[in-house]
Amino acid sequence: MNCNGIVCEAGDAQIVSLADGAKADATLVVGEEYRVFAPANGILVMGYADPDTVGNITGVIAPGGWLDVKATGTALMLLCEDTTDGFGNNFDCKAYVVKISDNA
């Protein structure tokens, strides 16, 4: 079977619930690589400190996209921003964080 999904060990994936534009954390292991999947309906901003503050953003993922990151901290903060002002400022969604390495 050929697809663009990934298979991981149980416990190597996290669902991060993002509600009302508030940031939420994914727990990481320093030195491991992770694939972060953005929700289909918003722009996902991430950082090791509050990603809603200038200077703290380490990555931005377009709706429905993904990005591979190597953990340099134990908590990756995620924030989902609304893509259309006409629909409100923020909304509830989920991001997925999957460990794709086994270095630790």
N, C-alpha and C. Protein backbone atom coordinates (compact mmCIF):
# COMPACT_ATOMS: atom_id res chain seq x y z
N MET A 1 0.84 -1.17 0.00
CA MET A 1 0.00 0.00 0.00
C MET A 1 0.89 1.23 0.00
N ASN A 2 0.57 2.19 -0.81
CA ASN A 2 1.35 3.41 -0.90
C ASN A 2 0.48 4.58 -0.47
N CYS A 3 0.89 5.25 0.60
CA CYS A 3 0.14 6.41 1.07
C CYS A 3 1.11 7.38 1.73
N ASN A 4 0.61 8.52 2.18
CA ASN A 4 1.48 9.50 2.82
C ASN A 4 1.28 9.51 4.33
N GLY A 5 0.76 8.43 4.90
CA GLY A 5 0.60 8.32 6.35
C GLY A 5 1.85 7.72 6.98
N ILE A 6 1.87 7.65 8.31
CA ILE A 6 2.98 7.04 9.03
C ILE A 6 2.45 6.08 10.08
N VAL A 7 3.19 5.05 10.37
CA VAL A 7 2.85 4.09 11.40
C VAL A 7 3.82 4.29 12.56
N CYS A 8 3.31 4.29 13.78
CA CYS A 8 4.17 4.50 14.93
C CYS A 8 3.81 3.51 16.02
N GLU A 9 4.67 3.42 17.02
CA GLU A 9 4.40 2.57 18.18
C GLU A 9 3.32 3.23 19.03
N ALA A 10 2.57 2.42 19.76
CA ALA A 10 1.56 2.97 20.66
C ALA A 10 2.21 3.94 21.63
N GLY A 11 1.62 5.08 21.82
CA GLY A 11 2.16 6.09 22.73
C GLY A 11 3.09 7.08 22.07
N ASP A 12 3.46 6.85 20.82
CA ASP A 12 4.36 7.77 20.13
C ASP A 12 3.61 8.89 19.41
N ALA A 13 2.30 8.92 19.52
CA ALA A 13 1.51 9.97 18.89
C ALA A 13 0.67 10.68 19.95
N GLN A 14 0.49 11.98 19.77
CA GLN A 14 -0.31 12.77 20.69
C GLN A 14 -1.35 13.56 19.92
N ILE A 15 -2.52 13.68 20.51
CA ILE A 15 -3.54 14.59 20.01
C ILE A 15 -3.50 15.82 20.90
N VAL A 16 -3.34 16.97 20.30
CA VAL A 16 -3.29 18.22 21.06
C VAL A 16 -4.57 18.99 20.73
N SER A 17 -5.44 19.13 21.73
CA SER A 17 -6.70 19.85 21.55
C SER A 17 -6.47 21.34 21.71
N LEU A 18 -6.86 22.10 20.70
CA LEU A 18 -6.67 23.55 20.69
C LEU A 18 -8.06 24.20 20.71
N ALA A 19 -8.35 24.93 21.77
CA ALA A 19 -9.68 25.51 21.94
C ALA A 19 -9.61 27.01 22.12
N ASP A 20 -10.50 27.71 21.47
CA ASP A 20 -10.69 29.16 21.65
C ASP A 20 -9.40 29.96 21.47
N GLY A 21 -8.53 29.54 20.61
CA GLY A 21 -7.30 30.27 20.33
C GLY A 21 -6.27 30.23 21.44
N ALA A 22 -6.47 29.35 22.42
CA ALA A 22 -5.50 29.23 23.51
C ALA A 22 -4.40 28.25 23.11
N LYS A 23 -3.20 28.46 23.64
CA LYS A 23 -2.10 27.55 23.33
C LYS A 23 -2.24 26.28 24.15
N ALA A 24 -1.70 25.19 23.62
CA ALA A 24 -1.68 23.90 24.31
C ALA A 24 -0.33 23.26 24.05
N ASP A 25 0.09 22.37 24.95
CA ASP A 25 1.43 21.78 24.87
C ASP A 25 1.42 20.35 24.37
N ALA A 26 2.44 20.01 23.60
CA ALA A 26 2.76 18.62 23.27
C ALA A 26 4.02 18.28 24.05
N THR A 27 4.06 17.11 24.66
CA THR A 27 5.22 16.68 25.43
C THR A 27 6.21 15.99 24.50
N LEU A 28 7.47 16.44 24.51
CA LEU A 28 8.50 15.92 23.62
C LEU A 28 9.67 15.35 24.41
N VAL A 29 10.50 14.58 23.73
CA VAL A 29 11.76 14.09 24.27
C VAL A 29 12.87 14.79 23.49
N VAL A 30 13.75 15.50 24.21
CA VAL A 30 14.82 16.26 23.55
C VAL A 30 15.68 15.32 22.70
N GLY A 31 15.94 15.73 21.48
CA GLY A 31 16.76 14.95 20.56
C GLY A 31 15.97 14.08 19.60
N GLU A 32 14.70 13.85 19.91
CA GLU A 32 13.86 13.04 19.02
C GLU A 32 13.26 13.92 17.92
N GLU A 33 12.91 13.29 16.80
CA GLU A 33 12.26 14.00 15.71
C GLU A 33 10.77 13.71 15.73
N TYR A 34 10.00 14.74 15.45
CA TYR A 34 8.55 14.65 15.47
C TYR A 34 7.97 15.22 14.19
N ARG A 35 6.84 14.68 13.77
CA ARG A 35 6.08 15.24 12.65
C ARG A 35 4.83 15.86 13.24
N VAL A 36 4.67 17.15 13.01
CA VAL A 36 3.53 17.89 13.55
C VAL A 36 2.54 18.12 12.40
N PHE A 37 1.31 17.65 12.60
CA PHE A 37 0.25 17.79 11.59
C PHE A 37 -0.70 18.90 12.02
N ALA A 38 -0.92 19.86 11.14
CA ALA A 38 -1.84 20.97 11.42
C ALA A 38 -3.27 20.55 11.10
N PRO A 39 -4.24 21.15 11.77
CA PRO A 39 -5.63 20.88 11.42
C PRO A 39 -5.95 21.42 10.03
N ALA A 40 -7.00 20.93 9.44
CA ALA A 40 -7.37 21.34 8.08
C ALA A 40 -8.00 22.72 8.03
N ASN A 41 -8.36 23.27 9.18
CA ASN A 41 -9.12 24.52 9.17
C ASN A 41 -8.44 25.70 9.84
N GLY A 42 -7.14 25.65 10.01
CA GLY A 42 -6.48 26.80 10.63
C GLY A 42 -4.97 26.76 10.45
N ILE A 43 -4.34 27.87 10.72
CA ILE A 43 -2.89 27.98 10.65
C ILE A 43 -2.32 27.61 12.01
N LEU A 44 -1.41 26.65 12.05
CA LEU A 44 -0.82 26.19 13.30
C LEU A 44 0.52 26.90 13.52
N VAL A 45 0.63 27.54 14.66
CA VAL A 45 1.86 28.24 15.04
C VAL A 45 2.46 27.48 16.21
N MET A 46 3.80 27.31 16.22
CA MET A 46 4.41 26.55 17.31
C MET A 46 5.66 27.25 17.82
N GLY A 47 6.00 26.94 19.08
CA GLY A 47 7.18 27.51 19.70
C GLY A 47 7.44 26.85 21.05
N TYR A 48 8.62 27.05 21.59
CA TYR A 48 8.97 26.51 22.91
C TYR A 48 8.59 27.46 24.03
N ALA A 49 8.23 28.68 23.68
CA ALA A 49 7.62 29.63 24.59
C ALA A 49 6.34 30.09 23.89
N ASP A 50 5.56 30.93 24.51
CA ASP A 50 4.25 31.32 23.97
C ASP A 50 4.33 31.72 22.50
N PRO A 51 3.77 30.88 21.59
CA PRO A 51 3.88 31.16 20.15
C PRO A 51 3.01 32.33 19.69
N ASP A 52 2.27 32.94 20.62
CA ASP A 52 1.45 34.09 20.28
C ASP A 52 2.22 35.39 20.56
N THR A 53 3.51 35.25 20.86
CA THR A 53 4.36 36.40 21.19
C THR A 53 5.50 36.50 20.17
N VAL A 54 5.74 37.70 19.71
CA VAL A 54 6.82 37.93 18.74
C VAL A 54 8.14 37.41 19.30
N GLY A 55 8.89 36.70 18.48
CA GLY A 55 10.20 36.18 18.87
C GLY A 55 10.17 34.77 19.40
N ASN A 56 8.98 34.22 19.67
CA ASN A 56 8.88 32.86 20.21
C ASN A 56 8.44 31.83 19.17
N ILE A 57 8.15 32.25 17.96
CA ILE A 57 7.66 31.33 16.93
C ILE A 57 8.81 30.55 16.33
N THR A 58 8.70 29.20 16.35
CA THR A 58 9.73 28.36 15.75
C THR A 58 9.24 27.69 14.47
N GLY A 59 7.93 27.77 14.20
CA GLY A 59 7.40 27.18 12.98
C GLY A 59 5.95 27.58 12.75
N VAL A 60 5.56 27.60 11.49
CA VAL A 60 4.18 27.89 11.08
C VAL A 60 3.81 26.85 10.04
N ILE A 61 2.63 26.22 10.22
CA ILE A 61 2.19 25.18 9.30
C ILE A 61 0.86 25.60 8.70
N ALA A 62 0.75 25.53 7.39
CA ALA A 62 -0.48 25.87 6.69
C ALA A 62 -1.57 24.85 7.00
N PRO A 63 -2.83 25.21 6.81
CA PRO A 63 -3.93 24.29 7.08
C PRO A 63 -3.74 22.96 6.35
N GLY A 64 -3.85 21.86 7.10
CA GLY A 64 -3.73 20.52 6.52
C GLY A 64 -2.31 20.08 6.23
N GLY A 65 -1.33 20.89 6.56
CA GLY A 65 0.07 20.56 6.28
C GLY A 65 0.76 19.90 7.46
N TRP A 66 2.04 19.60 7.28
CA TRP A 66 2.83 19.01 8.35
C TRP A 66 4.26 19.53 8.26
N LEU A 67 4.98 19.39 9.40
CA LEU A 67 6.36 19.86 9.48
C LEU A 67 7.13 18.93 10.41
N ASP A 68 8.34 18.55 10.02
CA ASP A 68 9.21 17.73 10.86
C ASP A 68 10.08 18.65 11.71
N VAL A 69 10.15 18.35 13.02
CA VAL A 69 10.98 19.15 13.92
C VAL A 69 11.79 18.23 14.81
N LYS A 70 12.99 18.67 15.17
CA LYS A 70 13.82 17.95 16.14
C LYS A 70 13.68 18.67 17.47
N ALA A 71 13.25 17.95 18.49
CA ALA A 71 12.95 18.55 19.78
C ALA A 71 14.20 19.11 20.46
N THR A 72 14.12 20.37 20.86
CA THR A 72 15.18 21.00 21.64
C THR A 72 14.66 21.36 23.04
N GLY A 73 13.42 21.03 23.31
CA GLY A 73 12.80 21.26 24.61
C GLY A 73 11.79 20.16 24.88
N THR A 74 11.24 20.13 26.08
CA THR A 74 10.31 19.05 26.44
C THR A 74 8.85 19.41 26.25
N ALA A 75 8.56 20.66 25.96
CA ALA A 75 7.17 21.06 25.72
C ALA A 75 7.10 21.97 24.50
N LEU A 76 6.38 21.53 23.48
CA LEU A 76 6.17 22.33 22.28
C LEU A 76 4.79 22.94 22.38
N MET A 77 4.72 24.26 22.40
CA MET A 77 3.44 24.95 22.51
C MET A 77 2.86 25.15 21.11
N LEU A 78 1.58 24.83 20.98
CA LEU A 78 0.88 24.96 19.70
C LEU A 78 -0.29 25.91 19.85
N LEU A 79 -0.58 26.64 18.77
CA LEU A 79 -1.68 27.60 18.75
C LEU A 79 -2.27 27.57 17.35
N CYS A 80 -3.59 27.47 17.26
CA CYS A 80 -4.26 27.44 15.95
C CYS A 80 -4.97 28.76 15.73
N GLU A 81 -4.58 29.45 14.69
CA GLU A 81 -5.19 30.74 14.35
C GLU A 81 -6.23 30.56 13.27
N ASP A 82 -7.28 31.35 13.34
CA ASP A 82 -8.35 31.34 12.34
C ASP A 82 -7.78 31.85 11.02
N THR A 83 -8.25 31.26 9.92
CA THR A 83 -7.75 31.69 8.61
C THR A 83 -8.64 32.75 7.97
N THR A 84 -9.83 33.01 8.53
CA THR A 84 -10.74 34.00 7.96
C THR A 84 -11.35 34.84 9.06
N ASP A 85 -11.09 36.14 9.06
CA ASP A 85 -11.63 37.01 10.11
C ASP A 85 -13.15 37.01 10.15
N GLY A 86 -13.79 36.78 9.02
CA GLY A 86 -15.25 36.81 8.97
C GLY A 86 -15.91 35.70 9.79
N PHE A 87 -15.17 34.66 10.10
CA PHE A 87 -15.74 33.54 10.86
C PHE A 87 -15.43 33.64 12.35
N GLY A 88 -14.78 34.69 12.77
CA GLY A 88 -14.43 34.83 14.18
C GLY A 88 -12.93 34.80 14.35
N ASN A 89 -12.50 34.98 15.56
CA ASN A 89 -11.07 35.06 15.82
C ASN A 89 -10.41 33.71 15.93
N ASN A 90 -11.05 32.75 16.57
CA ASN A 90 -10.45 31.45 16.80
C ASN A 90 -11.53 30.38 16.87
N PHE A 91 -11.12 29.14 16.84
CA PHE A 91 -12.07 28.03 16.89
C PHE A 91 -11.37 26.80 17.43
N ASP A 92 -12.15 25.77 17.74
CA ASP A 92 -11.61 24.54 18.31
C ASP A 92 -11.13 23.60 17.20
N CYS A 93 -9.99 22.95 17.42
CA CYS A 93 -9.47 22.00 16.46
C CYS A 93 -8.45 21.10 17.15
N LYS A 94 -7.89 20.17 16.43
CA LYS A 94 -6.89 19.26 16.97
C LYS A 94 -5.67 19.24 16.06
N ALA A 95 -4.49 19.15 16.70
CA ALA A 95 -3.23 18.95 15.98
C ALA A 95 -2.70 17.59 16.43
N TYR A 96 -1.90 16.97 15.59
CA TYR A 96 -1.33 15.67 15.91
C TYR A 96 0.19 15.77 15.88
N VAL A 97 0.83 15.19 16.90
CA VAL A 97 2.29 15.22 17.02
C VAL A 97 2.75 13.76 17.13
N VAL A 98 3.55 13.32 16.15
CA VAL A 98 3.96 11.92 16.06
C VAL A 98 5.48 11.82 16.11
N LYS A 99 5.99 10.99 17.00
CA LYS A 99 7.45 10.76 17.09
C LYS A 99 7.87 9.88 15.91
N ILE A 100 8.84 10.34 15.15
CA ILE A 100 9.27 9.58 13.96
C ILE A 100 10.70 9.08 14.07
N SER A 101 11.36 9.29 15.22
CA SER A 101 12.71 8.77 15.43
C SER A 101 12.75 7.99 16.72
N ASP A 102 13.86 7.30 16.93
CA ASP A 102 14.05 6.54 18.16
C ASP A 102 15.49 6.71 18.62
N ASN A 103 15.84 7.95 18.94
CA ASN A 103 17.23 8.29 19.29
C ASN A 103 17.52 8.23 20.77
N ALA A 104 16.50 8.45 21.59
CA ALA A 104 16.73 8.55 23.05
C ALA A 104 16.73 7.20 23.72
